[in-house]
Amino acid sequence: FCHRIIIIDLIPSPHTSGNDTCSSNGWDYTKLHLWSLTSYSEILYVDADCLVLKDIFHLLRKGKHNSDHNVDMVTAVPDIHPPDKFNAGVLLFSPSRLVYDDMMEKIPTLPSYDGGDTGFLNAYYPGWFASSNRLPFRYNAQRSLYHTTKKQNPAYWDSIDSKLIIHYSSTPKPWMVAKSICQKVGNELESMWWDWYDESRYDEVKQKGKPTAAAAASPSCPNQKQQHWNVSARFKELRKQGLVSKDAMLQAKKDCGVHDNDVDVSGQVASLFGIQ
């Protein structure tokens, strides 16, 4: 497993004005660059607002795709509305330079029912609905379905076996709302996101390890400076989410793995924001 960061140019939507590119669909067409990554035989794409609950590597073993230009080239989960379309939050496909160039050429003219990449891709792949191209809903369980059916008919959502990916496709996103609000009754999925986020931060801190006592005592210690920056940044995030200063500082230190006995870092950050 490795990370590879690729710098790309943004692709503005042809359906938004020059002053409207900050909207949710303003830069969605940038996703189309995925089809240019021909160094990979197959790509499993997952939106950034998705929470992967279990291993989904088996999707790459399907081996159904090829690089030929045809309408059955994309595998996805049916959308909630309309269900004969697919949601572009989770996609399995084979990159192709021919397809990519064709997409770029058709951006100005091909219609998009939602003004974004999902509408464009559905127009580009009108024949995707073949059963071999449809993934079960558990691979892209959209939060909007949960909120529209859970209260009236909870069995509808609960009947989706072994949910593998939760898609927070509506707004506000869980990270835009205070954790305390997300943990209220009725916000099960939002609370789940925060639980996974907290767990990931704990694992991250655990893997990095705590600086030695000698290193922590050194004012020039780079780890100490980084911790100072991390706590400060996290504190500001939590304040924006509505936490009072004291609670925000305690949570920020906890999230960043700074303990009360780390006197130097805790004291410096607290003093910076006038908290003792």
Protein backbone atom coordinates (compact mmCIF):
# COMPACT_ATOMS: atom_id res chain seq x y z
CA PHE A 1 0.00 0.00 0.00
CA CYS A 2 1.36 3.45 -0.91
CA HIS A 3 0.31 7.03 -1.52
CA ARG A 4 0.77 8.84 -4.80
CA ILE A 5 -0.15 12.50 -5.12
CA ILE A 6 -0.85 13.79 -8.63
CA ILE A 7 -1.16 17.52 -9.28
CA ILE A 8 -4.00 18.25 -11.71
CA ASP A 9 -5.75 21.25 -13.23
CA LEU A 10 -9.29 22.02 -12.15
CA ILE A 11 -12.08 21.53 -14.67
CA PRO A 12 -14.92 24.04 -14.13
CA SER A 13 -18.47 22.94 -14.78
CA PRO A 14 -19.92 24.43 -17.97
CA HIS A 15 -23.23 24.75 -16.12
CA THR A 16 -22.04 27.28 -13.51
CA SER A 17 -21.17 30.90 -14.05
CA GLY A 18 -17.69 32.24 -13.45
CA ASN A 19 -18.80 33.51 -10.04
CA ASP A 20 -20.46 30.26 -9.03
CA THR A 21 -17.51 27.83 -9.12
CA CYS A 22 -17.53 27.63 -5.32
CA SER A 23 -20.86 25.79 -5.39
CA SER A 24 -21.06 22.06 -4.76
CA ASN A 25 -20.91 21.31 -8.48
CA GLY A 26 -18.47 24.09 -9.40
CA TRP A 27 -15.42 21.87 -9.87
CA ASP A 28 -17.01 18.41 -9.98
CA TYR A 29 -15.88 17.86 -13.57
CA THR A 30 -12.30 17.66 -12.27
CA LYS A 31 -13.13 14.04 -11.45
CA LEU A 32 -12.95 13.26 -15.16
CA HIS A 33 -9.14 13.42 -14.97
CA LEU A 34 -9.37 9.91 -13.52
CA TRP A 35 -9.84 8.52 -17.03
CA SER A 36 -6.41 9.89 -18.01
CA LEU A 37 -4.56 7.75 -15.43
CA THR A 38 -3.70 5.04 -17.93
CA SER A 39 -0.76 3.75 -15.90
CA TYR A 40 -3.44 1.83 -13.98
CA SER A 41 -5.42 -0.96 -15.62
CA GLU A 42 -8.36 -0.41 -13.31
CA ILE A 43 -9.41 2.27 -10.83
CA LEU A 44 -11.72 2.01 -7.84
CA TYR A 45 -12.73 5.57 -7.04
CA VAL A 46 -14.35 6.61 -3.73
CA ASP A 47 -15.58 10.16 -3.00
CA ALA A 48 -13.90 12.06 -0.17
CA ASP A 49 -17.20 12.27 1.74
CA CYS A 50 -17.49 8.47 1.94
CA LEU A 51 -16.71 6.34 4.98
CA VAL A 52 -15.34 2.90 4.07
CA LEU A 53 -16.40 0.50 6.84
CA LYS A 54 -14.92 -2.75 5.54
CA ASP A 55 -12.41 -4.05 3.01
CA ILE A 56 -13.54 -3.40 -0.58
CA PHE A 57 -10.40 -4.58 -2.38
CA HIS A 58 -12.34 -7.53 -3.79
CA LEU A 59 -14.02 -5.13 -6.23
CA LEU A 60 -10.72 -4.81 -8.08
CA ARG A 61 -10.64 -8.57 -8.58
CA LYS A 62 -13.76 -8.53 -10.72
CA GLY A 63 -11.67 -8.19 -13.86
CA LYS A 64 -14.69 -7.26 -15.94
CA HIS A 65 -13.33 -4.16 -17.57
CA ASN A 66 -11.18 -3.41 -20.58
CA SER A 67 -9.84 -0.22 -22.13
CA ASP A 68 -12.12 -0.25 -25.17
CA HIS A 69 -14.48 2.68 -25.58
CA ASN A 70 -17.95 1.34 -24.84
CA VAL A 71 -20.95 2.31 -22.75
CA ASP A 72 -20.61 -0.65 -20.38
CA MET A 73 -17.24 0.47 -19.10
CA VAL A 74 -18.28 1.89 -15.72
CA THR A 75 -19.55 -0.04 -12.71
CA ALA A 76 -21.48 1.86 -10.04
CA VAL A 77 -24.37 1.83 -7.57
CA PRO A 78 -27.86 2.99 -8.64
CA ASP A 79 -28.75 6.44 -7.37
CA ILE A 80 -31.68 7.05 -5.04
CA HIS A 81 -33.44 9.37 -7.44
CA PRO A 82 -33.72 8.59 -10.21
CA PRO A 83 -32.81 4.92 -9.61
CA ASP A 84 -32.16 4.21 -13.28
CA LYS A 85 -29.12 6.51 -13.01
CA PHE A 86 -25.93 5.79 -11.08
CA ASN A 87 -24.29 7.81 -8.33
CA ALA A 88 -20.70 8.82 -9.14
CA GLY A 89 -19.51 8.62 -5.52
CA VAL A 90 -18.12 5.10 -6.01
CA LEU A 91 -16.90 4.04 -9.45
CA LEU A 92 -15.03 1.06 -10.87
CA PHE A 93 -13.65 1.51 -14.39
CA SER A 94 -10.69 1.14 -16.73
CA PRO A 95 -8.89 4.38 -17.65
CA SER A 96 -8.54 5.14 -21.35
CA ARG A 97 -6.88 8.06 -23.09
CA LEU A 98 -9.36 7.77 -25.95
CA VAL A 99 -12.28 7.99 -23.55
CA TYR A 100 -10.67 10.84 -21.62
CA ASP A 101 -10.05 12.92 -24.74
CA ASP A 102 -13.61 12.23 -25.90
CA MET A 103 -14.98 13.34 -22.53
CA MET A 104 -13.00 16.59 -22.66
CA GLU A 105 -14.38 17.29 -26.12
CA LYS A 106 -17.97 16.66 -25.02
CA ILE A 107 -17.95 18.68 -21.78
CA PRO A 108 -19.40 21.83 -23.41
CA THR A 109 -22.24 20.00 -25.18
CA LEU A 110 -23.17 16.85 -23.24
CA PRO A 111 -26.09 17.55 -20.85
CA SER A 112 -25.91 16.98 -17.09
CA TYR A 113 -29.21 16.67 -15.23
CA ASP A 114 -27.61 17.80 -11.93
CA GLY A 115 -25.09 20.21 -13.41
CA GLY A 116 -22.20 18.10 -12.11
CA ASP A 117 -20.10 15.05 -12.83
CA THR A 118 -22.81 12.52 -11.96
CA GLY A 119 -25.17 13.89 -14.59
CA PHE A 120 -22.40 14.12 -17.18
CA LEU A 121 -21.19 10.56 -16.59
CA ASN A 122 -24.73 9.19 -16.80
CA ALA A 123 -25.16 10.95 -20.14
CA TYR A 124 -21.80 9.60 -21.28
CA TYR A 125 -22.58 6.02 -20.19
CA PRO A 126 -26.31 5.66 -20.99
CA GLY A 127 -26.05 1.87 -21.22
CA TRP A 128 -24.50 1.31 -17.80
CA PHE A 129 -27.67 -0.25 -16.32
CA ALA A 130 -26.76 -3.78 -17.42
CA SER A 131 -26.78 -6.05 -14.37
CA SER A 132 -23.05 -6.74 -14.71
CA ASN A 133 -22.36 -3.04 -14.18
CA ARG A 134 -24.59 -2.51 -11.16
CA LEU A 135 -23.16 -2.79 -7.66
CA PRO A 136 -25.37 -3.48 -4.63
CA PHE A 137 -26.42 -0.43 -2.61
CA ARG A 138 -24.17 -1.46 0.28
CA TYR A 139 -21.19 -0.22 -1.76
CA ASN A 140 -22.59 3.33 -1.79
CA ALA A 141 -25.19 3.64 0.96
CA GLN A 142 -26.23 7.27 0.70
CA ARG A 143 -27.09 9.13 3.87
CA SER A 144 -30.04 10.86 2.20
CA LEU A 145 -31.83 7.51 1.98
CA TYR A 146 -31.30 6.97 5.70
CA HIS A 147 -32.79 10.34 6.63
CA THR A 148 -35.77 10.04 4.29
CA THR A 149 -36.79 6.51 5.31
CA LYS A 150 -35.44 5.71 8.78
CA LYS A 151 -38.20 7.41 10.75
CA GLN A 152 -41.15 6.20 8.66
CA ASN A 153 -39.80 2.78 7.74
CA PRO A 154 -36.58 1.84 9.58
CA ALA A 155 -36.58 -1.66 8.06
CA TYR A 156 -35.87 -0.13 4.65
CA TRP A 157 -32.39 1.05 5.64
CA ASP A 158 -31.77 -1.83 8.02
CA SER A 159 -32.44 -4.34 5.24
CA ILE A 160 -29.26 -3.27 3.44
CA ASP A 161 -26.96 -6.10 4.48
CA SER A 162 -23.29 -5.60 5.33
CA LYS A 163 -22.98 -1.93 4.45
CA LEU A 164 -19.44 -1.39 3.17
CA ILE A 165 -19.45 2.31 2.30
CA ILE A 166 -21.52 5.11 3.83
CA HIS A 167 -21.78 8.11 1.50
CA TYR A 168 -22.40 11.45 3.22
CA SER A 169 -23.70 12.86 -0.04
CA SER A 170 -25.94 15.56 1.43
CA THR A 171 -25.11 18.63 3.49
CA PRO A 172 -24.05 19.60 6.04
CA LYS A 173 -21.18 17.11 6.24
CA PRO A 174 -20.47 15.60 9.69
CA TRP A 175 -17.21 17.55 10.02
CA MET A 176 -19.11 20.81 9.48
CA VAL A 177 -21.18 20.24 12.62
CA ALA A 178 -20.09 20.12 16.25
CA LYS A 179 -19.46 16.60 17.49
CA SER A 180 -21.87 17.10 20.40
CA ILE A 181 -24.70 17.88 17.97
CA CYS A 182 -23.88 14.87 15.79
CA GLN A 183 -24.11 12.59 18.82
CA LYS A 184 -27.75 13.48 19.48
CA VAL A 185 -30.53 10.96 18.89
CA GLY A 186 -31.37 10.66 15.21
CA ASN A 187 -27.86 11.43 14.02
CA GLU A 188 -26.61 7.85 13.98
CA LEU A 189 -24.59 8.17 10.78
CA GLU A 190 -23.04 11.50 11.76
CA SER A 191 -22.07 10.08 15.14
CA MET A 192 -20.55 7.07 13.36
CA TRP A 193 -18.35 9.38 11.28
CA TRP A 194 -17.05 11.11 14.40
CA ASP A 195 -16.34 7.76 16.08
CA TRP A 196 -14.26 6.66 13.10
CA TYR A 197 -12.54 10.02 12.92
CA ASP A 198 -11.56 9.89 16.60
CA GLU A 199 -10.31 6.34 16.17
CA SER A 200 -8.21 7.30 13.16
CA ARG A 201 -6.64 10.22 15.03
CA TYR A 202 -5.83 7.92 17.95
CA ASP A 203 -4.18 5.39 15.61
CA GLU A 204 -2.25 8.16 13.87
CA VAL A 205 -0.84 9.46 17.14
CA LYS A 206 -0.11 5.93 18.29
CA GLN A 207 1.87 5.16 15.13
CA LYS A 208 3.90 8.35 15.31
CA GLY A 209 4.84 7.64 18.90
CA LYS A 210 5.39 10.05 21.74
CA PRO A 211 8.66 12.06 21.87
CA THR A 212 11.21 11.02 24.47
CA ALA A 213 11.51 13.05 27.67
CA ALA A 214 14.82 14.48 26.48
CA ALA A 215 13.37 15.55 23.16
CA ALA A 216 10.32 17.09 24.79
CA ALA A 217 12.55 19.14 27.06
CA SER A 218 14.36 20.69 24.11
CA PRO A 219 12.82 23.99 22.91
CA SER A 220 14.17 23.36 19.40
CA CYS A 221 12.57 19.93 19.11
CA PRO A 222 10.77 19.79 15.69
CA ASN A 223 8.22 17.33 17.12
CA GLN A 224 7.34 19.86 19.79
CA LYS A 225 6.88 22.63 17.23
CA GLN A 226 4.69 20.39 15.10
CA GLN A 227 2.57 19.45 18.11
CA HIS A 228 2.19 23.13 18.96
CA TRP A 229 0.95 23.84 15.43
CA ASN A 230 -1.37 20.80 15.40
CA VAL A 231 -3.02 21.71 18.70
CA SER A 232 -3.45 25.35 17.63
CA ALA A 233 -5.01 24.39 14.31
CA ARG A 234 -7.33 21.83 15.88
CA PHE A 235 -8.35 24.29 18.61
CA LYS A 236 -9.42 26.82 15.97
CA GLU A 237 -11.44 24.16 14.14
CA LEU A 238 -13.27 23.18 17.31
CA ARG A 239 -14.01 26.79 18.22
CA LYS A 240 -15.58 27.28 14.79
CA GLN A 241 -17.72 24.22 15.50
CA GLY A 242 -19.14 25.92 18.59
CA LEU A 243 -17.12 24.48 21.47
CA VAL A 244 -16.23 26.88 24.28
CA SER A 245 -12.52 27.69 24.63
CA LYS A 246 -11.78 25.39 27.56
CA ASP A 247 -13.53 22.37 26.04
CA ALA A 248 -11.99 23.08 22.64
CA MET A 249 -8.49 23.14 24.13
CA LEU A 250 -9.01 19.89 26.04
CA GLN A 251 -10.37 18.16 22.94
CA ALA A 252 -7.63 19.60 20.70
CA LYS A 253 -4.91 18.27 22.99
CA LYS A 254 -6.63 14.90 23.15
CA ASP A 255 -7.00 14.70 19.36
CA CYS A 256 -3.34 15.60 18.85
CA GLY A 257 -2.03 13.21 21.48
CA VAL A 258 -0.76 15.93 23.83
CA HIS A 259 -1.05 14.94 27.47
CA ASP A 260 -1.27 17.17 30.52
CA ASN A 261 2.26 16.17 31.52
CA ASP A 262 3.55 17.59 28.24
CA VAL A 263 3.87 20.87 30.09
CA ASP A 264 5.72 22.89 27.47
CA VAL A 265 3.38 22.24 24.54
CA SER A 266 0.19 22.45 26.62
CA GLY A 267 1.28 25.61 28.36
CA GLN A 268 2.42 27.41 25.23
CA VAL A 269 -0.76 26.73 23.30
CA ALA A 270 -3.03 27.53 26.24
CA SER A 271 -1.21 30.81 26.85
CA LEU A 272 -1.47 31.68 23.18
CA PHE A 273 -5.27 31.61 23.39
CA GLY A 274 -5.49 33.00 26.93
CA ILE A 275 -6.45 29.68 28.53
CA GLN A 276 -4.76 28.40 31.69
